[in-house]
Amino acid sequence: MKTYSVKKRFGKKYTINGVDYFYEVQPNQVIKGTPTADGTMVRMSIRLANRPYGFFIPIKALNEIITESAQSSIDGTDTGVSENTKTSIFTTRNIVMGVVGIALVYGLLKVTKVIK
């Protein structure tokens, strides 16, 4: 799977159980896709109506629509480009620092005899 950056808008209409859905990719959006076995399209996985579908971009339009922005590493693994990375304040480091801080304040109050 390779990561691409979209140059211009590209969309497709899907009809699922009589309801029309329009899926489009916006400019500068980062997507991940896999070339098909015959090499004519790049497949991107999407979800419509709570079901997985493949969004296909023609390989002949690939150069004018999207460009490759991240290569896989030499051993074939992903480069680590991640989407939606959320950091939490409740990491192990932050919890340990909080406990140590509370212990220091308690110890300081004990030494200055503010608390008995």
N, C-alpha and C. Protein backbone atom coordinates (compact mmCIF):
# COMPACT_ATOMS: atom_id res chain seq x y z
N MET A 1 0.84 -1.16 0.00
CA MET A 1 0.00 0.00 0.00
C MET A 1 0.90 1.23 0.00
N LYS A 2 0.57 2.19 -0.85
CA LYS A 2 1.35 3.41 -0.95
C LYS A 2 0.51 4.61 -0.56
N THR A 3 1.16 5.67 -0.16
CA THR A 3 0.48 6.89 0.25
C THR A 3 0.59 7.92 -0.86
N TYR A 4 -0.52 8.57 -1.15
CA TYR A 4 -0.57 9.55 -2.22
C TYR A 4 -1.18 10.85 -1.70
N SER A 5 -0.81 11.94 -2.34
CA SER A 5 -1.42 13.24 -2.07
C SER A 5 -2.21 13.64 -3.31
N VAL A 6 -3.45 14.00 -3.13
CA VAL A 6 -4.34 14.30 -4.25
C VAL A 6 -4.06 15.72 -4.77
N LYS A 7 -3.95 15.85 -6.09
CA LYS A 7 -3.72 17.15 -6.70
C LYS A 7 -5.01 17.89 -6.99
N LYS A 8 -6.04 17.17 -7.46
CA LYS A 8 -7.32 17.81 -7.75
C LYS A 8 -8.46 16.87 -7.38
N ARG A 9 -9.66 17.43 -7.27
CA ARG A 9 -10.82 16.67 -6.82
C ARG A 9 -11.17 15.55 -7.80
N PHE A 10 -11.52 14.39 -7.23
CA PHE A 10 -11.91 13.24 -8.02
C PHE A 10 -13.03 12.54 -7.27
N GLY A 11 -14.13 12.22 -7.95
CA GLY A 11 -15.27 11.62 -7.26
C GLY A 11 -15.95 10.54 -8.08
N LYS A 12 -16.82 9.78 -7.40
CA LYS A 12 -17.56 8.72 -8.04
C LYS A 12 -18.89 8.54 -7.32
N LYS A 13 -19.94 8.21 -8.09
CA LYS A 13 -21.28 8.01 -7.54
C LYS A 13 -21.52 6.51 -7.35
N TYR A 14 -22.04 6.14 -6.18
CA TYR A 14 -22.40 4.77 -5.86
C TYR A 14 -23.90 4.73 -5.57
N THR A 15 -24.57 3.68 -6.02
CA THR A 15 -25.98 3.47 -5.68
C THR A 15 -26.07 2.20 -4.86
N ILE A 16 -26.52 2.36 -3.61
CA ILE A 16 -26.62 1.24 -2.69
C ILE A 16 -28.06 1.17 -2.21
N ASN A 17 -28.75 0.06 -2.53
CA ASN A 17 -30.15 -0.15 -2.16
C ASN A 17 -31.03 1.02 -2.59
N GLY A 18 -30.79 1.54 -3.77
CA GLY A 18 -31.60 2.62 -4.31
C GLY A 18 -31.24 4.01 -3.81
N VAL A 19 -30.26 4.12 -2.94
CA VAL A 19 -29.84 5.41 -2.41
C VAL A 19 -28.50 5.78 -3.06
N ASP A 20 -28.42 7.01 -3.59
CA ASP A 20 -27.20 7.47 -4.23
C ASP A 20 -26.24 8.05 -3.20
N TYR A 21 -24.98 7.62 -3.29
CA TYR A 21 -23.90 8.16 -2.46
C TYR A 21 -22.83 8.69 -3.41
N PHE A 22 -22.27 9.84 -3.08
CA PHE A 22 -21.20 10.40 -3.89
C PHE A 22 -19.97 10.48 -3.02
N TYR A 23 -18.90 9.79 -3.43
CA TYR A 23 -17.65 9.81 -2.69
C TYR A 23 -16.64 10.60 -3.49
N GLU A 24 -16.00 11.56 -2.85
CA GLU A 24 -14.98 12.32 -3.57
C GLU A 24 -13.76 12.53 -2.70
N VAL A 25 -12.65 12.69 -3.37
CA VAL A 25 -11.37 12.94 -2.73
C VAL A 25 -11.02 14.40 -3.01
N GLN A 26 -10.69 15.13 -1.97
CA GLN A 26 -10.40 16.56 -2.08
C GLN A 26 -8.92 16.82 -2.37
N PRO A 27 -8.59 17.97 -2.97
CA PRO A 27 -7.18 18.33 -3.19
C PRO A 27 -6.42 18.38 -1.87
N ASN A 28 -5.17 17.96 -1.91
CA ASN A 28 -4.24 17.91 -0.77
C ASN A 28 -4.63 16.88 0.28
N GLN A 29 -5.63 16.06 0.02
CA GLN A 29 -5.99 14.97 0.94
C GLN A 29 -4.98 13.84 0.77
N VAL A 30 -4.56 13.25 1.86
CA VAL A 30 -3.61 12.13 1.81
C VAL A 30 -4.42 10.84 1.85
N ILE A 31 -4.17 9.97 0.88
CA ILE A 31 -4.88 8.70 0.80
C ILE A 31 -3.87 7.56 0.70
N LYS A 32 -4.32 6.35 1.02
CA LYS A 32 -3.50 5.15 0.84
C LYS A 32 -4.21 4.27 -0.16
N GLY A 33 -3.47 3.74 -1.12
CA GLY A 33 -4.06 2.91 -2.13
C GLY A 33 -3.13 1.80 -2.57
N THR A 34 -3.71 0.77 -3.20
CA THR A 34 -2.95 -0.38 -3.70
C THR A 34 -3.26 -0.57 -5.17
N PRO A 35 -2.24 -0.65 -6.03
CA PRO A 35 -2.50 -0.93 -7.45
C PRO A 35 -3.15 -2.29 -7.62
N THR A 36 -4.09 -2.41 -8.55
CA THR A 36 -4.74 -3.69 -8.81
C THR A 36 -3.77 -4.63 -9.51
N ALA A 37 -4.13 -5.91 -9.55
CA ALA A 37 -3.25 -6.92 -10.13
C ALA A 37 -2.98 -6.68 -11.61
N ASP A 38 -3.99 -6.18 -12.34
CA ASP A 38 -3.77 -5.93 -13.77
C ASP A 38 -3.06 -4.61 -14.04
N GLY A 39 -2.87 -3.80 -13.01
CA GLY A 39 -2.11 -2.57 -13.15
C GLY A 39 -2.85 -1.43 -13.83
N THR A 40 -4.17 -1.51 -13.92
CA THR A 40 -4.91 -0.44 -14.59
C THR A 40 -5.51 0.55 -13.62
N MET A 41 -5.61 0.20 -12.33
CA MET A 41 -6.25 1.07 -11.34
C MET A 41 -5.51 1.00 -10.01
N VAL A 42 -5.78 2.01 -9.19
CA VAL A 42 -5.33 2.01 -7.81
C VAL A 42 -6.58 1.94 -6.94
N ARG A 43 -6.60 0.99 -6.00
CA ARG A 43 -7.77 0.77 -5.14
C ARG A 43 -7.54 1.39 -3.78
N MET A 44 -8.52 2.16 -3.34
CA MET A 44 -8.51 2.78 -2.03
C MET A 44 -9.72 2.26 -1.26
N SER A 45 -9.56 1.79 -0.06
CA SER A 45 -10.68 1.26 0.74
C SER A 45 -11.46 2.40 1.37
N ILE A 46 -12.81 2.34 1.23
CA ILE A 46 -13.69 3.35 1.83
C ILE A 46 -14.87 2.64 2.49
N ARG A 47 -15.65 3.37 3.29
CA ARG A 47 -16.87 2.85 3.90
C ARG A 47 -18.03 3.73 3.50
N LEU A 48 -19.05 3.12 2.92
CA LEU A 48 -20.29 3.80 2.56
C LEU A 48 -21.44 3.00 3.12
N ALA A 49 -22.42 3.67 3.70
CA ALA A 49 -23.58 3.01 4.28
C ALA A 49 -23.17 1.89 5.23
N ASN A 50 -22.11 2.16 5.99
CA ASN A 50 -21.59 1.20 6.97
C ASN A 50 -21.08 -0.10 6.36
N ARG A 51 -20.65 -0.07 5.11
CA ARG A 51 -20.09 -1.25 4.44
C ARG A 51 -18.78 -0.87 3.76
N PRO A 52 -17.83 -1.80 3.70
CA PRO A 52 -16.58 -1.49 3.00
C PRO A 52 -16.75 -1.57 1.48
N TYR A 53 -16.16 -0.63 0.79
CA TYR A 53 -16.16 -0.60 -0.67
C TYR A 53 -14.77 -0.21 -1.14
N GLY A 54 -14.51 -0.46 -2.42
CA GLY A 54 -13.27 -0.04 -3.02
C GLY A 54 -13.50 1.17 -3.91
N PHE A 55 -12.72 2.19 -3.72
CA PHE A 55 -12.77 3.38 -4.55
C PHE A 55 -11.60 3.27 -5.52
N PHE A 56 -11.91 3.13 -6.81
CA PHE A 56 -10.88 2.89 -7.80
C PHE A 56 -10.54 4.16 -8.56
N ILE A 57 -9.25 4.45 -8.69
CA ILE A 57 -8.76 5.57 -9.47
C ILE A 57 -7.99 4.99 -10.64
N PRO A 58 -8.34 5.35 -11.89
CA PRO A 58 -7.65 4.78 -13.05
C PRO A 58 -6.16 5.14 -13.05
N ILE A 59 -5.33 4.16 -13.39
CA ILE A 59 -3.89 4.38 -13.40
C ILE A 59 -3.49 5.40 -14.46
N LYS A 60 -4.26 5.45 -15.58
CA LYS A 60 -3.93 6.43 -16.61
C LYS A 60 -4.18 7.85 -16.12
N ALA A 61 -5.09 8.01 -15.17
CA ALA A 61 -5.35 9.33 -14.59
C ALA A 61 -4.52 9.59 -13.34
N LEU A 62 -3.74 8.60 -12.95
CA LEU A 62 -2.98 8.69 -11.71
C LEU A 62 -1.99 9.84 -11.73
N ASN A 63 -1.28 10.03 -12.82
CA ASN A 63 -0.28 11.08 -12.88
C ASN A 63 -0.89 12.47 -12.84
N GLU A 64 -2.07 12.63 -13.38
CA GLU A 64 -2.67 13.95 -13.37
C GLU A 64 -3.55 14.19 -12.15
N ILE A 65 -3.93 13.13 -11.43
CA ILE A 65 -4.80 13.31 -10.27
C ILE A 65 -4.03 13.26 -8.97
N ILE A 66 -3.19 12.25 -8.80
CA ILE A 66 -2.45 12.12 -7.55
C ILE A 66 -0.99 11.84 -7.83
N THR A 67 -0.16 12.20 -6.89
CA THR A 67 1.26 11.89 -6.98
C THR A 67 1.66 11.15 -5.73
N GLU A 68 2.66 10.33 -5.85
CA GLU A 68 3.11 9.54 -4.71
C GLU A 68 3.86 10.46 -3.75
N SER A 69 3.49 10.42 -2.46
CA SER A 69 4.14 11.31 -1.49
C SER A 69 5.01 10.57 -0.49
N ALA A 70 4.85 9.26 -0.38
CA ALA A 70 5.69 8.50 0.54
C ALA A 70 5.96 7.12 -0.05
N GLN A 71 7.21 6.73 -0.06
CA GLN A 71 7.61 5.43 -0.58
C GLN A 71 7.67 4.44 0.57
N SER A 72 7.52 3.17 0.25
CA SER A 72 7.75 2.17 1.28
C SER A 72 9.26 2.01 1.44
N SER A 73 9.67 1.54 2.61
CA SER A 73 11.09 1.40 2.87
C SER A 73 11.67 0.25 2.06
N ILE A 74 12.96 0.07 2.15
CA ILE A 74 13.67 -0.91 1.34
C ILE A 74 13.17 -2.33 1.59
N ASP A 75 12.86 -2.66 2.85
CA ASP A 75 12.41 -4.02 3.16
C ASP A 75 10.93 -4.24 2.85
N GLY A 76 10.24 -3.22 2.32
CA GLY A 76 8.86 -3.40 1.89
C GLY A 76 7.83 -3.06 2.94
N THR A 77 8.27 -2.64 4.12
CA THR A 77 7.30 -2.26 5.15
C THR A 77 6.88 -0.82 4.95
N ASP A 78 5.83 -0.44 5.62
CA ASP A 78 5.30 0.91 5.50
C ASP A 78 6.27 1.90 6.14
N THR A 79 6.28 3.13 5.65
CA THR A 79 7.20 4.14 6.16
C THR A 79 6.77 4.72 7.48
N GLY A 80 5.56 4.44 7.90
CA GLY A 80 5.10 4.95 9.18
C GLY A 80 4.29 6.22 9.06
N VAL A 81 3.89 6.60 7.86
CA VAL A 81 3.02 7.76 7.71
C VAL A 81 1.69 7.38 8.30
N SER A 82 1.28 8.09 9.33
CA SER A 82 0.06 7.71 10.01
C SER A 82 -0.96 8.82 9.93
N GLU A 83 -2.22 8.43 9.99
CA GLU A 83 -3.31 9.38 9.98
C GLU A 83 -4.03 9.29 11.29
N ASN A 84 -4.58 10.41 11.71
CA ASN A 84 -5.40 10.47 12.92
C ASN A 84 -4.63 9.99 14.15
N THR A 85 -3.43 10.49 14.35
CA THR A 85 -2.66 10.11 15.52
C THR A 85 -3.08 11.00 16.68
N LYS A 86 -3.63 10.40 17.69
CA LYS A 86 -4.08 11.16 18.85
C LYS A 86 -3.17 10.84 20.02
N THR A 87 -2.72 11.89 20.73
CA THR A 87 -1.89 11.68 21.90
C THR A 87 -2.75 11.87 23.13
N SER A 88 -2.43 11.15 24.17
CA SER A 88 -3.18 11.21 25.41
C SER A 88 -2.31 11.83 26.49
N ILE A 89 -2.94 12.54 27.43
CA ILE A 89 -2.16 13.08 28.54
C ILE A 89 -1.89 12.02 29.60
N PHE A 90 -2.56 10.88 29.51
CA PHE A 90 -2.39 9.82 30.50
C PHE A 90 -1.36 8.80 30.03
N THR A 91 -0.16 9.26 29.76
CA THR A 91 0.93 8.35 29.42
C THR A 91 1.60 7.90 30.71
N THR A 92 2.39 6.86 30.64
CA THR A 92 3.08 6.35 31.81
C THR A 92 3.99 7.42 32.41
N ARG A 93 4.68 8.14 31.56
CA ARG A 93 5.60 9.19 32.01
C ARG A 93 4.84 10.27 32.78
N ASN A 94 3.70 10.71 32.24
CA ASN A 94 2.94 11.76 32.91
C ASN A 94 2.36 11.30 34.24
N ILE A 95 1.93 10.06 34.32
CA ILE A 95 1.39 9.53 35.57
C ILE A 95 2.48 9.44 36.64
N VAL A 96 3.67 8.96 36.25
CA VAL A 96 4.78 8.86 37.20
C VAL A 96 5.19 10.26 37.67
N MET A 97 5.25 11.21 36.75
CA MET A 97 5.63 12.58 37.13
C MET A 97 4.59 13.18 38.08
N GLY A 98 3.31 12.88 37.88
CA GLY A 98 2.27 13.38 38.78
C GLY A 98 2.39 12.80 40.17
N VAL A 99 2.64 11.50 40.27
CA VAL A 99 2.79 10.85 41.57
C VAL A 99 4.02 11.38 42.29
N VAL A 100 5.13 11.54 41.59
CA VAL A 100 6.35 12.08 42.19
C VAL A 100 6.11 13.52 42.66
N GLY A 101 5.40 14.30 41.86
CA GLY A 101 5.11 15.68 42.25
C GLY A 101 4.28 15.75 43.51
N ILE A 102 3.27 14.89 43.62
CA ILE A 102 2.43 14.85 44.82
C ILE A 102 3.27 14.43 46.03
N ALA A 103 4.15 13.45 45.84
CA ALA A 103 5.01 12.99 46.94
C ALA A 103 5.96 14.11 47.38
N LEU A 104 6.49 14.87 46.44
CA LEU A 104 7.39 15.97 46.80
C LEU A 104 6.66 17.06 47.59
N VAL A 105 5.47 17.41 47.15
CA VAL A 105 4.69 18.43 47.87
C VAL A 105 4.34 17.93 49.27
N TYR A 106 3.93 16.68 49.40
CA TYR A 106 3.61 16.10 50.70
C TYR A 106 4.85 16.10 51.60
N GLY A 107 5.99 15.70 51.05
CA GLY A 107 7.23 15.69 51.83
C GLY A 107 7.65 17.08 52.25
N LEU A 108 7.51 18.06 51.39
CA LEU A 108 7.86 19.45 51.72
C LEU A 108 6.96 19.98 52.82
N LEU A 109 5.66 19.68 52.74
CA LEU A 109 4.75 20.11 53.79
C LEU A 109 5.04 19.42 55.12
N LYS A 110 5.48 18.17 55.08
CA LYS A 110 5.82 17.42 56.29
C LYS A 110 7.08 17.99 56.93
N VAL A 111 8.09 18.33 56.10
CA VAL A 111 9.35 18.86 56.62
C VAL A 111 9.14 20.25 57.22
N THR A 112 8.34 21.08 56.58
CA THR A 112 8.11 22.42 57.13
C THR A 112 7.08 22.42 58.25
N LYS A 113 6.58 21.25 58.59
CA LYS A 113 5.65 21.03 59.69
C LYS A 113 4.34 21.79 59.51
N VAL A 114 3.92 21.95 58.25
CA VAL A 114 2.62 22.52 57.98
C VAL A 114 1.55 21.47 58.29
N ILE A 115 1.89 20.20 58.00
CA ILE A 115 1.02 19.10 58.35
C ILE A 115 1.75 18.19 59.33
N LYS A 116 1.00 17.50 60.17
CA LYS A 116 1.64 16.65 61.20
C LYS A 116 1.45 15.21 60.87
